[in-house]
Structure formats: structure tokens, C-alpha cells
């Protein structure tokens, strides 16, 4: 199977969207909804959406694995955002209906500072060597996750830089109906983007862990392919999300042959998310840690060690995994 694309910028919707003036069910305090029309977007058609690979859109926070300090590192998403004055100018421009004119950004003065180790996302447009903001006024980027950084403690819990491994959830290689949690070499994940899910991420829509015993995992983007998707029609996709077990997911991401990523979210179709019984939680999951192959022991309090105590155990659902061992 070809390697699927990585998430390095905002993904367009598969349909042309329109704004409806009523409170958003996705974002609190947002007085409008962005809904899909029945027309496929030009981005989707230009990317040959009909030959793309559809995958489950997972609800977490985006991460990236690339080299830092000479070894593979996990990086957290950090968008560089405009300062208050620049944001006010930008919002006034958007509301002025003068979109025929181009908004001028002064990248050196208009944006809040970021750590020195910050890097722009790969597909960010450049002008005179400076990364430029997207249509939302943000410059997508990444910061490395250091071991003892409290701001990214949940990110840090899923990697071990001493042994250069990450905690990954994916399909079992011999059984597509079975999920597997394993320690994967970071070198195997280089230049990939992944989704961090778990107890303290985005309200924990998959019900992982508990406050006392949190559980977080990485899922490579494109890991969960959708096998029986209906035709690319608004009504058919709506019926699939509402009526099929496989449709109990946050959304769909299509990985196109040119590397482009196209999405649709349940909210685009007027549907709710999160939902009580997700498709991810309908599958059994097995723990496959096998930490004995390493020269010396992991910290006994770390997530790797705690999962190794239930190694080879099979659970009916992800939310059934209990770490109070």
C-alpha cells in the first residue's frame, strides 16, 4: 500500500460549504454554522477525489514526527497567531466585504512570538523566506515535545526518547477486525503526522482511561481505511453516517494521489459529534508491548510500563482498558 499523506495544513471540505446564521454545535460561542452543500468542491475534483483512499478522521490533536537534536522527536501543533492589533485589522478586513482586495501581513510585526525551536508546517507558503499565514490568519507549525514540558505532558507520555519508541494504536497486522496497542520505533514514523487521542484530549470522545489513570495513544493519519463508503453524494454520505456502524466516526479524510487531503466532518452534514458509541470502540483491542527486548527497564510509572503489565491481554473495547495495576 502506498504511504498516505500527512496533515501539514488545513484540509478543505469535499463539498462547497455555506455559512448559516445559527449557533454552531461544534464551537461554543460561534454564532454560525459551516454546512456542506450538495456540490463537490473544485479542490476535491482537481485532486481526483474519486480515486482517493477514504480514511477515518480521528478526533484528537495533530502531531508530527521529525528529527530534533539528532534523533526522531514528537512535535506538537502550534500555530503562530496574530497579535491583538493585527487580528483586529484582519477581522475588520473580513467583515468589510472587500475580499477582492488582498490583506497585507507584516509577518515580522503582526504575529505573536513563538519558541526558537518552532518550525513552520511543510506546506506553508513562503514569501521572501518568511512563512505566510493561511486564510484564517494563522501560520501552522510545530514545536518539539520535551520530556519534562508540563504544557505537553500528555504528548510526552506516549514517547520515550531513551528507547526511541512511541505508543501507537493501529489495526493488528494479521486481523483487520482487531486493534493493537504497541511500542513502535520512532524511526518507523519519521515524517508522518499522527493524532494524539486520550483522556485529556478534546474531551476524550473515545472514553480512554480515567482522571486517576489517564491513557493516551498516537494514531498515524490514514491508519483506519474505510472499505465500504457510498458514492460521493451528500444524501448518501449523510445516510451512511446516520445508519451504518462504520459511520459512527468524526468524519472522513480522503488521501488523494497527489498528496492532497480532503475532509468532511459530521458537523458539515448537520450531525452531532461526539456521539455515545463510536466505531473505534466497537472493535476488540490487544496490548502488544514486548518490552523485554530492551537492554534495561522503563520507568515503572510510565505508560509503557503500565501497559506492559497487561501485555497480551485482549479487551472488548478501548474504553475497557484499565490501568490501575
Protein backbone atom coordinates (compact mmCIF):
# COMPACT_ATOMS: atom_id res chain seq x y z
CA UNK A 1 0.00 0.00 0.00
CA UNK A 2 1.31 3.47 -0.82
CA UNK A 3 2.23 5.76 2.05
CA UNK A 4 -0.61 8.15 2.77
CA UNK A 5 -0.34 11.91 3.06
CA UNK A 6 0.50 13.91 6.20
CA UNK A 7 -1.51 16.76 7.69
CA UNK A 8 0.55 19.93 7.25
CA UNK A 9 -2.24 22.46 6.68
CA UNK A 10 -5.98 22.99 6.99
CA UNK A 11 -7.94 20.47 4.90
CA UNK A 12 -10.71 21.71 2.57
CA UNK A 13 -14.17 20.15 2.67
CA UNK A 14 -15.16 17.68 -0.06
CA UNK A 15 -18.26 19.80 -0.69
CA UNK A 16 -18.67 23.52 -1.32
CA UNK A 17 -19.67 24.98 2.05
CA UNK A 18 -22.03 27.76 3.06
CA UNK A 19 -22.46 29.75 6.26
CA UNK A 20 -25.76 29.51 8.13
CA UNK A 21 -26.53 32.16 10.74
CA UNK A 22 -27.32 29.98 13.72
CA UNK A 23 -25.24 28.87 16.73
CA UNK A 24 -22.55 26.29 15.97
CA UNK A 25 -22.83 22.87 17.59
CA UNK A 26 -19.09 22.37 17.05
CA UNK A 27 -17.62 25.52 18.60
CA UNK A 28 -19.06 27.18 21.66
CA UNK A 29 -19.80 30.92 21.27
CA UNK A 30 -19.61 30.67 17.45
CA UNK A 31 -22.83 32.29 16.15
CA UNK A 32 -22.82 30.49 12.78
CA UNK A 33 -22.55 27.03 11.24
CA UNK A 34 -20.48 25.97 8.23
CA UNK A 35 -22.56 23.42 6.32
CA UNK A 36 -21.90 21.39 3.18
CA UNK A 37 -23.93 21.99 0.04
CA UNK A 38 -24.60 19.18 -2.44
CA UNK A 39 -21.85 20.41 -4.81
CA UNK A 40 -18.40 18.80 -4.79
CA UNK A 41 -15.64 21.38 -4.27
CA UNK A 42 -13.19 22.25 -7.03
CA UNK A 43 -10.31 21.23 -4.71
CA UNK A 44 -11.81 17.73 -4.43
CA UNK A 45 -12.36 17.41 -8.18
CA UNK A 46 -8.89 18.81 -9.02
CA UNK A 47 -7.34 16.21 -6.68
CA UNK A 48 -9.25 13.36 -8.37
CA UNK A 49 -11.30 12.57 -5.28
CA UNK A 50 -12.90 9.54 -6.96
CA UNK A 51 -9.59 7.63 -6.91
CA UNK A 52 -8.62 8.77 -3.38
CA UNK A 53 -8.35 6.49 -0.32
CA UNK A 54 -11.03 7.28 2.30
CA UNK A 55 -9.95 7.01 5.95
CA UNK A 56 -11.44 7.72 9.35
CA UNK A 57 -10.96 11.26 10.66
CA UNK A 58 -9.87 10.78 14.26
CA UNK A 59 -10.74 13.33 16.95
CA UNK A 60 -7.58 14.35 18.81
CA UNK A 61 -4.72 16.79 18.42
CA UNK A 62 -2.32 16.72 15.50
CA UNK A 63 1.33 15.71 15.98
CA UNK A 64 4.36 15.30 13.74
CA UNK A 65 7.49 13.16 13.98
CA UNK A 66 10.70 14.56 12.58
CA UNK A 67 14.34 14.95 13.63
CA UNK A 68 15.40 17.16 16.56
CA UNK A 69 18.72 17.09 18.42
CA UNK A 70 19.88 14.38 16.01
CA UNK A 71 17.11 11.87 16.77
CA UNK A 72 13.44 11.30 15.91
CA UNK A 73 11.19 13.51 18.03
CA UNK A 74 7.49 14.03 18.57
CA UNK A 75 6.34 17.57 17.72
CA UNK A 76 3.13 19.25 18.90
CA UNK A 77 1.00 21.50 16.74
CA UNK A 78 1.50 25.19 17.49
CA UNK A 79 0.06 27.73 15.09
CA UNK A 80 1.61 31.19 15.12
CA UNK A 81 -1.27 33.63 15.60
CA UNK A 82 -1.56 37.39 15.04
CA UNK A 83 -1.28 39.83 17.93
CA UNK A 84 -4.34 41.80 19.03
CA UNK A 85 -3.81 44.77 16.72
CA UNK A 86 -3.19 42.63 13.64
CA UNK A 87 -6.11 40.35 14.48
CA UNK A 88 -8.43 43.36 14.76
CA UNK A 89 -7.26 44.65 11.36
CA UNK A 90 -7.75 41.21 9.81
CA UNK A 91 -11.27 40.80 11.25
CA UNK A 92 -12.25 44.27 10.07
CA UNK A 93 -10.98 43.35 6.61
CA UNK A 94 -13.02 40.12 6.56
CA UNK A 95 -16.19 41.91 7.69
CA UNK A 96 -15.73 44.80 5.25
CA UNK A 97 -16.69 42.58 2.27
CA UNK A 98 -13.62 43.88 0.41
CA UNK A 99 -12.36 40.41 -0.30
CA UNK A 100 -11.46 41.42 -3.84
CA UNK A 101 -8.51 43.18 -2.25
CA UNK A 102 -5.68 41.24 -0.67
CA UNK A 103 -4.92 41.63 3.01
CA UNK A 104 -1.32 42.63 3.68
CA UNK A 105 0.51 40.90 6.52
CA UNK A 106 3.74 42.15 8.04
CA UNK A 107 4.97 38.79 9.32
CA UNK A 108 7.79 40.29 11.41
CA UNK A 109 5.47 42.65 13.34
CA UNK A 110 1.94 41.21 13.18
CA UNK A 111 2.45 37.87 14.92
CA UNK A 112 2.95 36.71 18.49
CA UNK A 113 6.40 35.31 19.29
CA UNK A 114 6.97 31.57 19.23
CA UNK A 115 9.78 29.46 20.76
CA UNK A 116 13.08 29.45 18.87
CA UNK A 117 12.67 25.74 18.16
CA UNK A 118 9.32 26.36 16.37
CA UNK A 119 9.20 25.35 12.69
CA UNK A 120 6.51 26.15 10.10
CA UNK A 121 4.46 23.28 8.69
CA UNK A 122 5.88 21.85 5.47
CA UNK A 123 3.21 23.14 3.08
CA UNK A 124 3.16 26.69 4.45
CA UNK A 125 3.53 29.30 1.69
CA UNK A 126 6.70 31.38 1.82
CA UNK A 127 7.31 34.99 0.80
CA UNK A 128 10.86 36.36 0.83
CA UNK A 129 11.87 33.49 3.09
CA UNK A 130 9.10 34.14 5.62
CA UNK A 131 6.25 31.67 6.25
CA UNK A 132 2.89 33.26 5.41
CA UNK A 133 -0.45 32.84 7.23
CA UNK A 134 -3.31 30.79 5.81
CA UNK A 135 -6.82 32.08 5.04
CA UNK A 136 -7.59 32.10 8.78
CA UNK A 137 -4.64 34.33 9.61
CA UNK A 138 -2.61 31.57 11.28
CA UNK A 139 0.82 30.18 10.38
CA UNK A 140 0.65 26.41 11.02
CA UNK A 141 3.70 24.99 12.71
CA UNK A 142 5.26 22.63 15.22
CA UNK A 143 7.28 22.63 18.46
CA UNK A 144 9.28 19.64 19.78
CA UNK A 145 7.84 17.84 22.80
CA UNK A 146 10.49 17.83 25.52
CA UNK A 147 10.37 15.13 28.19
CA UNK A 148 9.57 17.37 31.17
CA UNK A 149 7.47 20.06 29.48
CA UNK A 150 4.28 20.30 31.58
CA UNK A 151 2.40 22.07 28.78
CA UNK A 152 2.76 18.95 26.63
CA UNK A 153 2.75 16.30 29.37
CA UNK A 154 0.13 14.15 27.60
CA UNK A 155 2.15 14.24 24.39
CA UNK A 156 5.24 13.31 26.39
CA UNK A 157 3.50 10.30 27.95
CA UNK A 158 3.31 8.49 24.58
CA UNK A 159 7.01 8.71 23.67
CA UNK A 160 10.26 7.53 25.20
CA UNK A 161 13.34 9.21 23.75
CA UNK A 162 15.80 6.97 25.57
CA UNK A 163 14.43 3.89 23.80
CA UNK A 164 13.16 5.96 20.81
CA UNK A 165 9.67 4.44 20.77
CA UNK A 166 6.07 5.70 20.64
CA UNK A 167 2.78 4.22 21.86
CA UNK A 168 0.72 3.60 18.74
CA UNK A 169 -2.82 2.34 18.13
CA UNK A 170 -3.45 0.69 14.78
CA UNK A 171 -5.01 -2.40 13.22
CA UNK A 172 -3.44 -5.72 14.13
CA UNK A 173 -1.26 -6.79 11.17
CA UNK A 174 -2.93 -10.22 10.95
CA UNK A 175 -6.52 -9.27 11.80
CA UNK A 176 -8.12 -6.06 10.45
CA UNK A 177 -11.01 -6.50 12.88
CA UNK A 178 -8.66 -6.25 15.86
CA UNK A 179 -6.92 -3.12 17.16
CA UNK A 180 -3.42 -3.26 18.64
CA UNK A 181 -1.53 -1.03 21.05
CA UNK A 182 2.23 -1.42 20.63
CA UNK A 183 5.56 0.34 21.11
CA UNK A 184 6.68 1.43 17.63
CA UNK A 185 10.20 2.75 16.83
CA UNK A 186 10.07 6.50 16.23
CA UNK A 187 12.32 5.95 13.22
CA UNK A 188 9.48 3.98 11.58
CA UNK A 189 7.23 7.04 11.93
CA UNK A 190 9.63 9.71 10.63
CA UNK A 191 7.95 12.49 8.60
CA UNK A 192 4.50 11.19 9.44
CA UNK A 193 1.70 13.10 11.14
CA UNK A 194 -0.40 11.39 13.77
CA UNK A 195 -3.38 12.11 16.00
CA UNK A 196 -2.94 12.09 19.78
CA UNK A 197 -6.11 10.83 21.49
CA UNK A 198 -6.92 10.10 25.09
CA UNK A 199 -8.23 11.06 28.49
CA UNK A 200 -7.20 14.72 28.44
CA UNK A 201 -7.52 15.49 24.73
CA UNK A 202 -10.59 17.18 23.17
CA UNK A 203 -13.00 15.99 25.84
CA UNK A 204 -11.98 12.33 25.35
CA UNK A 205 -14.64 11.31 22.78
CA UNK A 206 -13.42 7.69 22.80
CA UNK A 207 -13.63 7.27 26.59
CA UNK A 208 -9.99 6.28 27.18
CA UNK A 209 -8.60 5.91 30.68
CA UNK A 210 -9.71 7.91 33.71
CA UNK A 211 -8.70 11.02 35.64
CA UNK A 212 -6.74 8.86 38.09
CA UNK A 213 -5.26 6.61 35.39
CA UNK A 214 -5.09 8.59 32.12
CA UNK A 215 -4.40 6.83 28.84
CA UNK A 216 -3.15 8.49 25.65
CA UNK A 217 -2.20 6.97 22.30
CA UNK A 218 -0.97 8.01 18.85
CA UNK A 219 -2.80 7.03 15.66
CA UNK A 220 -0.97 7.56 12.33
CA UNK A 221 -3.07 9.59 9.91
CA UNK A 222 -4.72 7.29 7.38
CA UNK A 223 -4.36 4.23 9.64
CA UNK A 224 -8.07 3.37 9.59
CA UNK A 225 -9.17 2.97 5.99
CA UNK A 226 -12.89 2.88 5.16
CA UNK A 227 -13.78 -0.10 3.00
CA UNK A 228 -17.46 0.30 2.09
CA UNK A 229 -18.05 4.00 1.58
CA UNK A 230 -21.09 5.00 -0.52
CA UNK A 231 -21.00 7.31 -3.54
CA UNK A 232 -19.78 10.87 -3.12
CA UNK A 233 -23.23 12.35 -2.82
CA UNK A 234 -24.47 14.47 0.07
CA UNK A 235 -27.54 12.32 0.77
CA UNK A 236 -25.66 9.02 0.53
CA UNK A 237 -22.90 10.16 2.91
CA UNK A 238 -25.49 11.53 5.34
CA UNK A 239 -27.32 8.19 5.34
CA UNK A 240 -24.02 6.34 5.83
CA UNK A 241 -23.07 8.45 8.87
CA UNK A 242 -26.55 8.06 10.36
CA UNK A 243 -27.27 4.41 9.60
CA UNK A 244 -24.04 2.39 9.34
CA UNK A 245 -21.90 1.11 12.20
CA UNK A 246 -18.77 2.19 10.25
CA UNK A 247 -20.29 5.70 10.05
CA UNK A 248 -20.02 6.27 13.80
CA UNK A 249 -16.87 8.34 13.33
CA UNK A 250 -15.99 12.05 13.50
CA UNK A 251 -15.54 12.37 9.76
CA UNK A 252 -13.74 11.18 6.63
CA UNK A 253 -10.35 12.20 5.23
CA UNK A 254 -9.64 11.32 1.59
CA UNK A 255 -5.94 10.78 0.76
CA UNK A 256 -5.56 11.78 -2.88
CA UNK A 257 -2.90 10.56 -5.31
CA UNK A 258 -1.24 14.00 -5.47
CA UNK A 259 -0.83 14.10 -1.67
CA UNK A 260 -3.79 16.42 -1.17
CA UNK A 261 -6.10 15.71 1.78
CA UNK A 262 -9.84 16.40 1.60
CA UNK A 263 -12.27 16.03 4.50
CA UNK A 264 -15.87 16.02 5.61
CA UNK A 265 -16.90 16.36 9.25
CA UNK A 266 -20.19 15.21 10.71
CA UNK A 267 -20.90 18.87 11.53
CA UNK A 268 -20.70 19.73 7.81
CA UNK A 269 -23.75 17.48 7.36
CA UNK A 270 -25.62 18.87 10.36
CA UNK A 271 -24.86 15.81 12.51
CA UNK A 272 -23.71 15.71 16.13
CA UNK A 273 -20.26 14.89 17.45
CA UNK A 274 -19.17 13.46 19.84
CA UNK A 275 -21.55 10.50 19.93
CA UNK A 276 -22.02 7.78 22.59
CA UNK A 277 -20.88 4.65 20.73
CA UNK A 278 -18.03 5.29 18.30
CA UNK A 279 -16.94 2.79 15.66
CA UNK A 280 -13.44 2.78 17.17
CA UNK A 281 -14.95 1.45 20.40
CA UNK A 282 -16.80 -1.35 18.64
CA UNK A 283 -13.61 -3.31 17.97
CA UNK A 284 -11.61 -5.50 20.36
CA UNK A 285 -8.07 -4.38 21.18
CA UNK A 286 -4.96 -6.30 22.24
CA UNK A 287 -1.90 -5.00 24.11
CA UNK A 288 1.39 -5.97 22.44
CA UNK A 289 4.20 -4.20 24.30
CA UNK A 290 7.05 -6.77 24.49
CA UNK A 291 9.45 -4.52 26.43
CA UNK A 292 11.74 -7.42 27.39
CA UNK A 293 13.82 -6.92 24.24
CA UNK A 294 15.28 -3.66 25.60
CA UNK A 295 18.57 -3.65 27.49
CA UNK A 296 17.24 -2.07 30.67
CA UNK A 297 13.87 -1.29 32.21
CA UNK A 298 11.46 1.53 31.51
CA UNK A 299 10.43 3.83 34.36
CA UNK A 300 7.85 1.84 36.32
CA UNK A 301 5.46 4.81 36.48
CA UNK A 302 5.45 5.50 32.73
CA UNK A 303 2.61 4.49 30.43
CA UNK A 304 4.80 1.96 28.61
CA UNK A 305 5.48 0.05 31.82
CA UNK A 306 1.88 0.18 32.97
CA UNK A 307 0.67 -1.19 29.64
CA UNK A 308 3.34 -3.90 29.72
CA UNK A 309 1.74 -5.25 32.92
CA UNK A 310 -1.33 -6.14 30.85
CA UNK A 311 0.71 -7.31 27.85
CA UNK A 312 -1.03 -9.81 25.55
CA UNK A 313 -4.38 -9.13 27.20
CA UNK A 314 -7.38 -8.63 24.92
CA UNK A 315 -10.17 -6.17 25.69
CA UNK A 316 -13.62 -5.88 24.17
CA UNK A 317 -13.26 -2.13 23.60
CA UNK A 318 -10.67 0.61 24.02
CA UNK A 319 -12.67 2.13 26.87
CA UNK A 320 -12.45 -1.20 28.75
CA UNK A 321 -8.68 -0.87 29.27
CA UNK A 322 -7.98 -0.27 32.97
CA UNK A 323 -4.54 0.89 34.07
CA UNK A 324 -4.87 0.70 37.86
CA UNK A 325 -2.22 -2.00 38.11
